[in-house]
Amino acid sequence: MIWNIFRPVTLTDKLYKNFVDTGYVPERIIRLLAFKIIKAETLTKEEMAVFIEYTSEIEDMIKVLTKQK
């Protein structure tokens, strides 16, 4: 499979199942959730589950994306 940099990033069922099974999500999902928080978008229940587990990483990503210290 060729990776397409222009495809939208989403928390797919496969990624969510892997998160439930292993506790891991790729950095692109952390970035996605950070952008959604910055834009004040509503998170899905699956995204909220990831957010709860990765709150500090998402907060760090928000700081990077908004260039806060």
Protein backbone atom coordinates (compact mmCIF):
# COMPACT_ATOMS: atom_id res chain seq x y z
CA MET A 1 0.00 0.00 0.00
CA ILE A 2 1.29 3.42 -0.95
CA TRP A 3 1.02 6.02 1.79
CA ASN A 4 -0.82 9.12 0.60
CA ILE A 5 0.15 12.31 2.42
CA PHE A 6 -3.00 14.02 1.16
CA ARG A 7 -5.54 11.59 2.57
CA PRO A 8 -7.41 12.86 5.61
CA VAL A 9 -6.23 11.57 8.96
CA THR A 10 -8.92 9.81 10.94
CA LEU A 11 -9.08 7.44 13.86
CA THR A 12 -10.19 4.40 11.89
CA ASP A 13 -11.84 1.35 13.40
CA LYS A 14 -8.59 -0.56 12.85
CA LEU A 15 -6.51 2.08 14.66
CA TYR A 16 -9.03 2.26 17.50
CA LYS A 17 -9.10 -1.53 17.89
CA ASN A 18 -5.31 -1.52 18.00
CA PHE A 19 -5.46 1.22 20.67
CA VAL A 20 -7.90 -0.84 22.75
CA ASP A 21 -5.72 -3.95 22.38
CA THR A 22 -2.29 -2.33 22.88
CA GLY A 23 -2.80 1.19 24.23
CA TYR A 24 -0.86 2.62 21.27
CA VAL A 25 -1.86 5.21 18.67
CA PRO A 26 0.43 6.73 16.03
CA GLU A 27 1.66 10.30 16.38
CA ARG A 28 -0.58 11.41 13.50
CA ILE A 29 -3.61 10.64 15.71
CA ILE A 30 -2.11 12.67 18.57
CA ARG A 31 -1.67 15.54 16.09
CA LEU A 32 -5.23 15.09 14.78
CA LEU A 33 -6.68 15.31 18.29
CA ALA A 34 -4.50 18.33 19.09
CA PHE A 35 -5.82 20.13 16.00
CA LYS A 36 -9.40 19.22 16.90
CA ILE A 37 -8.91 20.60 20.43
CA ILE A 38 -7.35 23.80 19.06
CA LYS A 39 -10.28 24.25 16.68
CA ALA A 40 -12.78 23.42 19.48
CA GLU A 41 -14.25 20.53 17.49
CA THR A 42 -16.23 17.81 19.20
CA LEU A 43 -14.38 14.52 19.71
CA THR A 44 -16.01 11.19 18.97
CA LYS A 45 -16.29 8.72 21.84
CA GLU A 46 -13.31 6.82 20.39
CA GLU A 47 -11.26 10.01 20.10
CA MET A 48 -12.24 10.92 23.67
CA ALA A 49 -10.96 7.54 24.89
CA VAL A 50 -7.61 8.22 23.20
CA PHE A 51 -7.59 11.77 24.57
CA ILE A 52 -8.06 10.51 28.12
CA GLU A 53 -5.13 8.11 27.75
CA TYR A 54 -2.84 10.55 25.91
CA THR A 55 -3.78 13.88 27.50
CA SER A 56 -0.23 14.99 28.31
CA GLU A 57 1.07 14.06 24.83
CA ILE A 58 -1.82 15.92 23.19
CA GLU A 59 -1.23 18.96 25.40
CA ASP A 60 2.46 18.89 24.44
CA MET A 61 1.48 18.69 20.76
CA ILE A 62 -0.88 21.67 21.20
CA LYS A 63 2.03 23.67 22.63
CA VAL A 64 4.20 22.72 19.66
CA LEU A 65 1.49 23.53 17.14
CA THR A 66 0.67 26.88 18.74
CA LYS A 67 4.33 27.56 19.64
CA GLN A 68 3.61 28.06 23.34
CA LYS A 69 6.33 27.57 25.90
